[in-house]
Amino acid sequence: MGRAGCLAFFASDVSEERSTKGHEVLFRGSFCRWLILMTRRRFYAPPSAFSAELDSVGLASDEARHLRDVLRLKPGDEVYVFDGTGSEFHCRVEESRRDSADLKIISKAEPARPESPLQLTLAVALLKGEKFDLVVQKATELGIARVVPLITRYADIRLRDETDAVKRVARWQRIALEAAKQSGRAVVPEVNNPVSFASLLQNTADGMPRMLFSERAGQSLSEAAKAIPAGVSRVTALVGSEGGWADEELAGARDAGLTVVTLGGRTLRAETAAITVVALIQHLYGDLK
């Protein structure tokens, strides 16, 4: 059933829900609501692009070109714009140019998908090629709040200089934005600048539960979870590289109060481990139930 069919279905007599096919109707109605949310034409604009009165917003560069050249939207068409911090708005296109677009805000809208109640930070060792890209993308879809690239002893890559780091972070931030747009989130996770493992240990001693996931020398997640309150609102999870953690890194983590956790008996690729960790923690403390 297409979008038009869904709208026509909603306009039908609601008494049909009391018929012998009521369960089927309710199912179809839920599917239609899901379909309409999934087919939202969503764009991103930073908070600074919104007018002070919140009655207009401007799209720039890639977003404006996507609106005009890819979706071929015209003045009068309606879209949704989110600001990356949790707010989303129902808008109407007023003017569309090559590299910019002006939109009128019709009303504030509920984001297509709710945010997890858990503020989960994933600190993951730098990985080669597109592996880190994949982690950022999937972690965003799973509701991550922040990604911290880690420089560890056995990290798969080494940053050449500060310029290299800036370029990589900009790329990962774009991936997080696209993943947030695709998954219906109105919040774009923050991707931090790469930090050393020792620096992270020093800067996160604020009482937040912190778990380091290792291929060895750790306890099970179920055991570790017993020490963490069910209603916890913030968690930091650390995942190493393909080469794992050095002995001194594991010792340093324990000295800093981190819980070392080992997942099962199988060896996981680093990117698989990172995505799995996010899903498991979101299941325990977030909204993946």
C-alpha atoms as a PDB file:
ATOM      1  CA  MET A   1       0.000   0.000   0.000  1.00  0.00           C
ATOM      2  CA  GLY A   2       1.505   3.348  -1.011  1.00  0.00           C
ATOM      3  CA  ARG A   3       1.400   6.643   0.841  1.00  0.00           C
ATOM      4  CA  ALA A   4      -1.753   7.749  -0.972  1.00  0.00           C
ATOM      5  CA  GLY A   5      -3.379   4.437  -0.153  1.00  0.00           C
ATOM      6  CA  CYS A   6      -2.486   4.852   3.490  1.00  0.00           C
ATOM      7  CA  LEU A   7      -4.038   8.309   3.586  1.00  0.00           C
ATOM      8  CA  ALA A   8      -7.167   6.995   1.903  1.00  0.00           C
ATOM      9  CA  PHE A   9      -7.257   4.141   4.376  1.00  0.00           C
ATOM     10  CA  PHE A  10      -7.108   6.535   7.338  1.00  0.00           C
ATOM     11  CA  ALA A  11      -9.985   8.517   5.861  1.00  0.00           C
ATOM     12  CA  SER A  12     -12.185   5.401   5.737  1.00  0.00           C
ATOM     13  CA  ASP A  13     -14.894   4.652   8.254  1.00  0.00           C
ATOM     14  CA  VAL A  14     -13.255   3.884  11.614  1.00  0.00           C
ATOM     15  CA  SER A  15     -16.166   1.580  12.423  1.00  0.00           C
ATOM     16  CA  GLU A  16     -14.374  -0.957  10.233  1.00  0.00           C
ATOM     17  CA  GLU A  17     -12.062  -1.534  13.168  1.00  0.00           C
ATOM     18  CA  ARG A  18     -14.976  -3.136  15.009  1.00  0.00           C
ATOM     19  CA  SER A  19     -15.553  -5.641  12.224  1.00  0.00           C
ATOM     20  CA  THR A  20     -14.402  -9.237  12.222  1.00  0.00           C
ATOM     21  CA  LYS A  21     -11.279  -7.997  10.438  1.00  0.00           C
ATOM     22  CA  GLY A  22     -10.499  -5.508  13.150  1.00  0.00           C
ATOM     23  CA  HIS A  23      -7.103  -6.946  13.972  1.00  0.00           C
ATOM     24  CA  GLU A  24      -6.078  -6.786  10.311  1.00  0.00           C
ATOM     25  CA  VAL A  25      -7.259  -3.174  10.091  1.00  0.00           C
ATOM     26  CA  LEU A  26      -5.324  -2.171  13.184  1.00  0.00           C
ATOM     27  CA  PHE A  27      -2.218  -3.833  11.795  1.00  0.00           C
ATOM     28  CA  ARG A  28      -2.617  -2.052   8.469  1.00  0.00           C
ATOM     29  CA  GLY A  29      -3.139   1.230  10.279  1.00  0.00           C
ATOM     30  CA  SER A  30       0.085   0.784  12.256  1.00  0.00           C
ATOM     31  CA  PHE A  31       1.916  -0.076   9.056  1.00  0.00           C
ATOM     32  CA  CYS A  32       0.611   3.066   7.376  1.00  0.00           C
ATOM     33  CA  ARG A  33       1.721   5.261  10.247  1.00  0.00           C
ATOM     34  CA  TRP A  34       5.150   3.635  10.066  1.00  0.00           C
ATOM     35  CA  LEU A  35       5.282   4.133   6.298  1.00  0.00           C
ATOM     36  CA  ILE A  36       4.438   7.824   6.528  1.00  0.00           C
ATOM     37  CA  LEU A  37       7.154   8.375   9.139  1.00  0.00           C
ATOM     38  CA  MET A  38       9.666   6.478   7.018  1.00  0.00           C
ATOM     39  CA  THR A  39       8.856   8.523   3.911  1.00  0.00           C
ATOM     40  CA  ARG A  40       9.421  11.896   5.531  1.00  0.00           C
ATOM     41  CA  ARG A  41      11.645  14.078   3.402  1.00  0.00           C
ATOM     42  CA  ARG A  42      14.102  15.138   6.095  1.00  0.00           C
ATOM     43  CA  PHE A  43      16.848  17.724   5.943  1.00  0.00           C
ATOM     44  CA  TYR A  44      19.414  18.998   8.404  1.00  0.00           C
ATOM     45  CA  ALA A  45      20.136  22.580   9.356  1.00  0.00           C
ATOM     46  CA  PRO A  46      22.268  23.701  12.322  1.00  0.00           C
ATOM     47  CA  PRO A  47      20.565  25.767  15.045  1.00  0.00           C
ATOM     48  CA  SER A  48      22.214  28.911  13.654  1.00  0.00           C
ATOM     49  CA  ALA A  49      20.268  28.490  10.372  1.00  0.00           C
ATOM     50  CA  PHE A  50      16.925  29.023  12.126  1.00  0.00           C
ATOM     51  CA  SER A  51      15.489  32.508  12.581  1.00  0.00           C
ATOM     52  CA  ALA A  52      15.255  33.880  16.099  1.00  0.00           C
ATOM     53  CA  GLU A  53      11.465  33.689  15.899  1.00  0.00           C
ATOM     54  CA  LEU A  54      11.612  30.073  14.660  1.00  0.00           C
ATOM     55  CA  ASP A  55       9.429  30.946  11.680  1.00  0.00           C
ATOM     56  CA  SER A  56      11.982  30.256   8.938  1.00  0.00           C
ATOM     57  CA  VAL A  57      15.103  28.233   8.254  1.00  0.00           C
ATOM     58  CA  GLY A  58      17.710  28.123   5.518  1.00  0.00           C
ATOM     59  CA  LEU A  59      19.353  25.111   3.922  1.00  0.00           C
ATOM     60  CA  ALA A  60      22.838  25.369   2.486  1.00  0.00           C
ATOM     61  CA  SER A  61      25.229  23.462   0.221  1.00  0.00           C
ATOM     62  CA  ASP A  62      24.618  19.703   0.141  1.00  0.00           C
ATOM     63  CA  GLU A  63      21.200  19.847   1.801  1.00  0.00           C
ATOM     64  CA  ALA A  64      19.931  22.503  -0.597  1.00  0.00           C
ATOM     65  CA  ARG A  65      21.279  20.621  -3.620  1.00  0.00           C
ATOM     66  CA  HIS A  66      19.659  17.412  -2.397  1.00  0.00           C
ATOM     67  CA  LEU A  67      16.329  19.216  -2.069  1.00  0.00           C
ATOM     68  CA  ARG A  68      16.491  20.791  -5.521  1.00  0.00           C
ATOM     69  CA  ASP A  69      18.517  18.450  -7.734  1.00  0.00           C
ATOM     70  CA  VAL A  70      17.899  15.007  -6.222  1.00  0.00           C
ATOM     71  CA  LEU A  71      14.364  15.168  -4.850  1.00  0.00           C
ATOM     72  CA  ARG A  72      13.379  17.953  -7.288  1.00  0.00           C
ATOM     73  CA  LEU A  73      11.248  19.711  -4.710  1.00  0.00           C
ATOM     74  CA  LYS A  74       9.703  23.061  -5.576  1.00  0.00           C
ATOM     75  CA  PRO A  75       8.193  26.025  -3.709  1.00  0.00           C
ATOM     76  CA  GLY A  76       5.073  24.857  -1.923  1.00  0.00           C
ATOM     77  CA  ASP A  77       6.363  21.352  -1.205  1.00  0.00           C
ATOM     78  CA  GLU A  78       6.464  20.340   2.455  1.00  0.00           C
ATOM     79  CA  VAL A  79       9.453  18.800   4.204  1.00  0.00           C
ATOM     80  CA  TYR A  80      10.902  18.279   7.673  1.00  0.00           C
ATOM     81  CA  VAL A  81      14.050  19.885   9.038  1.00  0.00           C
ATOM     82  CA  PHE A  82      15.915  18.810  12.188  1.00  0.00           C
ATOM     83  CA  ASP A  83      18.621  20.764  13.975  1.00  0.00           C
ATOM     84  CA  GLY A  84      20.841  17.953  15.261  1.00  0.00           C
ATOM     85  CA  THR A  85      20.117  18.759  18.907  1.00  0.00           C
ATOM     86  CA  GLY A  86      16.704  17.075  19.176  1.00  0.00           C
ATOM     87  CA  SER A  87      14.230  19.471  17.539  1.00  0.00           C
ATOM     88  CA  GLU A  88      12.407  18.865  14.266  1.00  0.00           C
ATOM     89  CA  PHE A  89      10.099  21.139  12.278  1.00  0.00           C
ATOM     90  CA  HIS A  90       7.443  20.757   9.597  1.00  0.00           C
ATOM     91  CA  CYS A  91       8.322  23.250   6.865  1.00  0.00           C
ATOM     92  CA  ARG A  92       7.285  24.502   3.437  1.00  0.00           C
ATOM     93  CA  VAL A  93       9.743  25.340   0.668  1.00  0.00           C
ATOM     94  CA  GLU A  94       9.587  29.048  -0.171  1.00  0.00           C
ATOM     95  CA  GLU A  95      12.522  29.419  -2.532  1.00  0.00           C
ATOM     96  CA  SER A  96      15.102  26.982  -3.886  1.00  0.00           C
ATOM     97  CA  ARG A  97      18.411  28.012  -5.430  1.00  0.00           C
ATOM     98  CA  ARG A  98      21.494  26.099  -6.526  1.00  0.00           C
ATOM     99  CA  ASP A  99      23.300  26.191  -3.185  1.00  0.00           C
ATOM    100  CA  SER A 100      20.647  27.421  -0.763  1.00  0.00           C
ATOM    101  CA  ALA A 101      16.968  27.158   0.029  1.00  0.00           C
ATOM    102  CA  ASP A 102      14.560  29.194   2.124  1.00  0.00           C
ATOM    103  CA  LEU A 103      11.844  27.386   4.071  1.00  0.00           C
ATOM    104  CA  LYS A 104       8.928  28.601   6.151  1.00  0.00           C
ATOM    105  CA  ILE A 105       8.373  26.763   9.422  1.00  0.00           C
ATOM    106  CA  ILE A 106       4.772  25.575   9.693  1.00  0.00           C
ATOM    107  CA  SER A 107       5.000  23.944  13.113  1.00  0.00           C
ATOM    108  CA  LYS A 108       7.255  22.068  15.456  1.00  0.00           C
ATOM    109  CA  ALA A 109       7.041  18.323  14.864  1.00  0.00           C
ATOM    110  CA  GLU A 110       7.797  15.206  16.822  1.00  0.00           C
ATOM    111  CA  PRO A 111      11.004  13.597  15.538  1.00  0.00           C
ATOM    112  CA  ALA A 112      10.408  10.563  13.340  1.00  0.00           C
ATOM    113  CA  ARG A 113      12.101   8.420  15.981  1.00  0.00           C
ATOM    114  CA  PRO A 114      12.497   8.987  19.751  1.00  0.00           C
ATOM    115  CA  GLU A 115      15.900   9.280  21.390  1.00  0.00           C
ATOM    116  CA  SER A 116      17.248   6.687  23.768  1.00  0.00           C
ATOM    117  CA  PRO A 117      17.100   7.721  27.432  1.00  0.00           C
ATOM    118  CA  LEU A 118      20.705   6.535  27.714  1.00  0.00           C
ATOM    119  CA  GLN A 119      23.576   8.875  26.903  1.00  0.00           C
ATOM    120  CA  LEU A 120      26.023   6.281  25.630  1.00  0.00           C
ATOM    121  CA  THR A 121      29.589   7.219  24.745  1.00  0.00           C
ATOM    122  CA  LEU A 122      31.502   4.765  22.577  1.00  0.00           C
ATOM    123  CA  ALA A 123      35.283   5.115  22.746  1.00  0.00           C
ATOM    124  CA  VAL A 124      36.759   2.909  20.038  1.00  0.00           C
ATOM    125  CA  ALA A 125      40.316   2.427  18.834  1.00  0.00           C
ATOM    126  CA  LEU A 126      41.184   3.826  15.418  1.00  0.00           C
ATOM    127  CA  LEU A 127      40.486   1.231  12.718  1.00  0.00           C
ATOM    128  CA  LYS A 128      41.708   0.873   9.156  1.00  0.00           C
ATOM    129  CA  GLY A 129      39.845   1.743   5.977  1.00  0.00           C
ATOM    130  CA  GLU A 130      36.089   1.896   6.174  1.00  0.00           C
ATOM    131  CA  LYS A 131      35.820  -0.058   9.430  1.00  0.00           C
ATOM    132  CA  PHE A 132      35.630   3.067  11.576  1.00  0.00           C
ATOM    133  CA  ASP A 133      33.109   4.557   9.138  1.00  0.00           C
ATOM    134  CA  LEU A 134      30.920   1.492   9.645  1.00  0.00           C
ATOM    135  CA  VAL A 135      31.133   1.759  13.429  1.00  0.00           C
ATOM    136  CA  VAL A 136      30.099   5.424  13.373  1.00  0.00           C
ATOM    137  CA  GLN A 137      27.194   4.717  11.025  1.00  0.00           C
ATOM    138  CA  LYS A 138      25.775   1.732  12.896  1.00  0.00           C
ATOM    139  CA  ALA A 139      26.369   3.189  16.353  1.00  0.00           C
ATOM    140  CA  THR A 140      24.412   6.283  15.281  1.00  0.00           C
ATOM    141  CA  GLU A 141      21.534   4.123  14.057  1.00  0.00           C
ATOM    142  CA  LEU A 142      21.562   2.324  17.410  1.00  0.00           C
ATOM    143  CA  GLY A 143      21.247   5.583  19.353  1.00  0.00           C
ATOM    144  CA  ILE A 144      24.787   6.478  20.410  1.00  0.00           C
ATOM    145  CA  ALA A 145      25.291   9.936  21.930  1.00  0.00           C
ATOM    146  CA  ARG A 146      29.015  10.391  21.350  1.00  0.00           C
ATOM    147  CA  VAL A 147      31.910   8.672  19.596  1.00  0.00           C
ATOM    148  CA  VAL A 148      35.488   9.081  20.825  1.00  0.00           C
ATOM    149  CA  PRO A 149      38.247   7.828  18.488  1.00  0.00           C
ATOM    150  CA  LEU A 150      40.979   6.270  20.646  1.00  0.00           C
ATOM    151  CA  ILE A 151      44.714   6.153  20.056  1.00  0.00           C
ATOM    152  CA  THR A 152      45.821   2.866  21.617  1.00  0.00           C
ATOM    153  CA  ARG A 153      49.036   0.880  21.539  1.00  0.00           C
ATOM    154  CA  TYR A 154      47.722  -1.548  18.932  1.00  0.00           C
ATOM    155  CA  ALA A 155      45.449   0.852  17.043  1.00  0.00           C
ATOM    156  CA  ASP A 156      45.244  -0.112  13.371  1.00  0.00           C
ATOM    157  CA  ILE A 157      46.214   3.332  12.065  1.00  0.00           C
ATOM    158  CA  ARG A 158      48.379   6.245  13.122  1.00  0.00           C
ATOM    159  CA  LEU A 159      47.400   9.846  12.462  1.00  0.00           C
ATOM    160  CA  ARG A 160      49.985  11.716  10.413  1.00  0.00           C
ATOM    161  CA  ASP A 161      49.332  15.130  11.901  1.00  0.00           C
ATOM    162  CA  GLU A 162      46.611  17.447  13.169  1.00  0.00           C
ATOM    163  CA  THR A 163      45.341  18.103   9.646  1.00  0.00           C
ATOM    164  CA  ASP A 164      44.862  14.377   9.124  1.00  0.00           C
ATOM    165  CA  ALA A 165      42.871  14.167  12.359  1.00  0.00           C
ATOM    166  CA  VAL A 166      40.658  17.113  11.391  1.00  0.00           C
ATOM    167  CA  LYS A 167      39.849  15.574   7.996  1.00  0.00           C
ATOM    168  CA  ARG A 168      38.987  12.214   9.497  1.00  0.00           C
ATOM    169  CA  VAL A 169      36.741  13.705  12.183  1.00  0.00           C
ATOM    170  CA  ALA A 170      34.927  15.820   9.588  1.00  0.00           C
ATOM    171  CA  ARG A 171      34.298  12.675   7.537  1.00  0.00           C
ATOM    172  CA  TRP A 172      33.008  10.742  10.544  1.00  0.00           C
ATOM    173  CA  GLN A 173      30.776  13.634  11.557  1.00  0.00           C
ATOM    174  CA  ARG A 174      29.222  13.653   8.061  1.00  0.00           C
ATOM    175  CA  ILE A 175      28.621   9.916   8.335  1.00  0.00           C
ATOM    176  CA  ALA A 176      26.927  10.428  11.709  1.00  0.00           C
ATOM    177  CA  LEU A 177      24.722  13.139  10.197  1.00  0.00           C
ATOM    178  CA  GLU A 178      23.627  10.948   7.291  1.00  0.00           C
ATOM    179  CA  ALA A 179      22.960   8.021   9.612  1.00  0.00           C
ATOM    180  CA  ALA A 180      20.879  10.219  11.926  1.00  0.00           C
ATOM    181  CA  LYS A 181      18.865  11.463   8.957  1.00  0.00           C
ATOM    182  CA  GLN A 182      18.296   7.948   7.624  1.00  0.00           C
ATOM    183  CA  SER A 183      17.323   6.476  10.993  1.00  0.00           C
ATOM    184  CA  GLY A 184      14.868   9.226  11.917  1.00  0.00           C
ATOM    185  CA  ARG A 185      16.916  10.748  14.723  1.00  0.00           C
ATOM    186  CA  ALA A 186      16.778  14.483  15.366  1.00  0.00           C
ATOM    187  CA  VAL A 187      20.044  14.329  17.317  1.00  0.00           C
ATOM    188  CA  VAL A 188      23.372  13.994  15.545  1.00  0.00           C
ATOM    189  CA  PRO A 189      25.976  12.283  17.754  1.00  0.00           C
ATOM    190  CA  GLU A 190      29.142  14.211  18.418  1.00  0.00           C
ATOM    191  CA  VAL A 191      32.370  12.739  17.065  1.00  0.00           C
ATOM    192  CA  ASN A 192      35.256  13.960  19.217  1.00  0.00           C
ATOM    193  CA  ASN A 193      38.820  14.560  18.166  1.00  0.00           C
ATOM    194  CA  PRO A 194      41.026  11.480  18.647  1.00  0.00           C
ATOM    195  CA  VAL A 195      42.495  11.168  22.134  1.00  0.00           C
ATOM    196  CA  SER A 196      45.039   8.856  23.703  1.00  0.00           C
ATOM    197  CA  PHE A 197      43.878   6.007  25.885  1.00  0.00           C
ATOM    198  CA  ALA A 198      45.712   7.483  28.891  1.00  0.00           C
ATOM    199  CA  SER A 199      44.047  10.859  28.348  1.00  0.00           C
ATOM    200  CA  LEU A 200      40.591   9.280  28.255  1.00  0.00           C
ATOM    201  CA  LEU A 201      41.211   7.486  31.544  1.00  0.00           C
ATOM    202  CA  GLN A 202      42.194  10.768  33.187  1.00  0.00           C
ATOM    203  CA  ASN A 203      39.252  12.778  31.856  1.00  0.00           C
ATOM    204  CA  THR A 204      36.306  10.488  32.592  1.00  0.00           C
ATOM    205  CA  ALA A 205      36.641   9.881  36.323  1.00  0.00           C
ATOM    206  CA  ASP A 206      33.260  11.451  37.160  1.00  0.00           C
ATOM    207  CA  GLY A 207      31.349   8.480  38.556  1.00  0.00           C
ATOM    208  CA  MET A 208      29.922   7.468  35.167  1.00  0.00           C
ATOM    209  CA  PRO A 209      29.881   3.671  34.691  1.00  0.00           C
ATOM    210  CA  ARG A 210      32.741   2.764  32.364  1.00  0.00           C
ATOM    211  CA  MET A 211      33.260  -0.628  30.801  1.00  0.00           C
ATOM    212  CA  LEU A 212      36.257  -1.718  28.777  1.00  0.00           C
ATOM    213  CA  PHE A 213      35.500  -4.629  26.461  1.00  0.00           C
ATOM    214  CA  SER A 214      38.399  -6.999  26.006  1.00  0.00           C
ATOM    215  CA  GLU A 215      38.951 -10.357  24.324  1.00  0.00           C
ATOM    216  CA  ARG A 216      40.518 -11.631  27.571  1.00  0.00           C
ATOM    217  CA  ALA A 217      40.841 -11.173  31.304  1.00  0.00           C
ATOM    218  CA  GLY A 218      37.347  -9.823  31.889  1.00  0.00           C
ATOM    219  CA  GLN A 219      34.070 -10.773  33.513  1.00  0.00           C
ATOM    220  CA  SER A 220      30.800 -11.425  31.705  1.00  0.00           C
ATOM    221  CA  LEU A 221      28.503  -8.549  30.844  1.00  0.00           C
ATOM    222  CA  SER A 222      25.754 -10.006  33.042  1.00  0.00           C
ATOM    223  CA  GLU A 223      28.120  -9.951  36.013  1.00  0.00           C
ATOM    224  CA  ALA A 224      29.306  -6.419  35.243  1.00  0.00           C
ATOM    225  CA  ALA A 225      25.719  -5.204  34.885  1.00  0.00           C
ATOM    226  CA  LYS A 226      24.907  -6.208  38.471  1.00  0.00           C
ATOM    227  CA  ALA A 227      27.009  -3.311  39.732  1.00  0.00           C
ATOM    228  CA  ILE A 228      25.290  -0.724  37.510  1.00  0.00           C
ATOM    229  CA  PRO A 229      21.887   0.728  38.550  1.00  0.00           C
ATOM    230  CA  ALA A 230      19.011  -0.118  36.198  1.00  0.00           C
ATOM    231  CA  GLY A 231      18.092   3.546  35.719  1.00  0.00           C
ATOM    232  CA  VAL A 232      21.579   4.755  34.818  1.00  0.00           C
ATOM    233  CA  SER A 233      21.497   7.642  32.340  1.00  0.00           C
ATOM    234  CA  ARG A 234      25.128   7.701  31.152  1.00  0.00           C
ATOM    235  CA  VAL A 235      27.586   4.943  30.272  1.00  0.00           C
ATOM    236  CA  THR A 236      30.968   4.916  28.550  1.00  0.00           C
ATOM    237  CA  ALA A 237      32.080   1.793  26.674  1.00  0.00           C
ATOM    238  CA  LEU A 238      35.625   1.264  25.392  1.00  0.00           C
ATOM    239  CA  VAL A 239      36.446  -1.112  22.521  1.00  0.00           C
ATOM    240  CA  GLY A 240      39.955  -1.889  21.311  1.00  0.00           C
ATOM    241  CA  SER A 241      41.475  -2.543  17.917  1.00  0.00           C
ATOM    242  CA  GLU A 242      41.972  -5.820  16.046  1.00  0.00           C
ATOM    243  CA  GLY A 243      45.143  -6.281  18.092  1.00  0.00           C
ATOM    244  CA  GLY A 244      43.275  -5.932  21.358  1.00  0.00           C
ATOM    245  CA  TRP A 245      44.530  -4.188  24.476  1.00  0.00           C
ATOM    246  CA  ALA A 246      48.092  -4.170  25.787  1.00  0.00           C
ATOM    247  CA  ASP A 247      48.647  -5.584  29.274  1.00  0.00           C
ATOM    248  CA  GLU A 248      49.527  -2.125  30.607  1.00  0.00           C
ATOM    249  CA  GLU A 249      46.301  -0.700  29.151  1.00  0.00           C
ATOM    250  CA  LEU A 250      44.207  -3.338  30.906  1.00  0.00           C
ATOM    251  CA  ALA A 251      46.070  -2.674  34.161  1.00  0.00           C
ATOM    252  CA  GLY A 252      45.612   1.083  33.745  1.00  0.00           C
ATOM    253  CA  ALA A 253      41.895   0.643  33.100  1.00  0.00           C
ATOM    254  CA  ARG A 254      41.451  -1.360  36.295  1.00  0.00           C
ATOM    255  CA  ASP A 255      43.470   1.178  38.295  1.00  0.00           C
ATOM    256  CA  ALA A 256      41.167   3.918  36.945  1.00  0.00           C
ATOM    257  CA  GLY A 257      38.081   2.031  38.118  1.00  0.00           C
ATOM    258  CA  LEU A 258      36.887   0.656  34.774  1.00  0.00           C
ATOM    259  CA  THR A 259      35.166  -2.724  34.626  1.00  0.00           C
ATOM    260  CA  VAL A 260      36.796  -5.108  32.149  1.00  0.00           C
ATOM    261  CA  VAL A 261      34.218  -7.177  30.254  1.00  0.00           C
ATOM    262  CA  THR A 262      34.656 -10.115  27.886  1.00  0.00           C
ATOM    263  CA  LEU A 263      31.924 -11.124  25.421  1.00  0.00           C
ATOM    264  CA  GLY A 264      31.580 -14.877  25.023  1.00  0.00           C
ATOM    265  CA  GLY A 265      34.225 -17.212  23.674  1.00  0.00           C
ATOM    266  CA  ARG A 266      34.356 -16.205  20.034  1.00  0.00           C
ATOM    267  CA  THR A 267      36.817 -13.743  18.574  1.00  0.00           C
ATOM    268  CA  LEU A 268      35.011 -10.767  17.051  1.00  0.00           C
ATOM    269  CA  ARG A 269      36.388  -8.268  14.593  1.00  0.00           C
ATOM    270  CA  ALA A 270      36.853  -4.882  16.198  1.00  0.00           C
ATOM    271  CA  GLU A 271      34.029  -3.274  14.216  1.00  0.00           C
ATOM    272  CA  THR A 272      31.701  -6.189  15.033  1.00  0.00           C
ATOM    273  CA  ALA A 273      32.565  -5.921  18.722  1.00  0.00           C
ATOM    274  CA  ALA A 274      31.905  -2.159  18.783  1.00  0.00           C
ATOM    275  CA  ILE A 275      28.480  -2.475  17.149  1.00  0.00           C
ATOM    276  CA  THR A 276      27.565  -5.440  19.359  1.00  0.00           C
ATOM    277  CA  VAL A 277      28.563  -3.551  22.496  1.00  0.00           C
ATOM    278  CA  VAL A 278      26.335  -0.600  21.599  1.00  0.00           C
ATOM    279  CA  ALA A 279      23.364  -2.898  20.941  1.00  0.00           C
ATOM    280  CA  LEU A 280      23.840  -4.829  24.194  1.00  0.00           C
ATOM    281  CA  ILE A 281      24.172  -1.727  26.361  1.00  0.00           C
ATOM    282  CA  GLN A 282      21.181  -0.079  24.684  1.00  0.00           C
ATOM    283  CA  HIS A 283      19.247  -3.252  25.451  1.00  0.00           C
ATOM    284  CA  LEU A 284      20.267  -3.203  29.118  1.00  0.00           C
ATOM    285  CA  TYR A 285      19.917   0.510  29.844  1.00  0.00           C
ATOM    286  CA  GLY A 286      18.459   2.205  26.760  1.00  0.00           C
ATOM    287  CA  ASP A 287      15.475   1.602  24.490  1.00  0.00           C
ATOM    288  CA  LEU A 288      16.355  -1.583  22.578  1.00  0.00           C
ATOM    289  CA  LYS A 289      13.970  -3.879  24.406  1.00  0.00           C
END
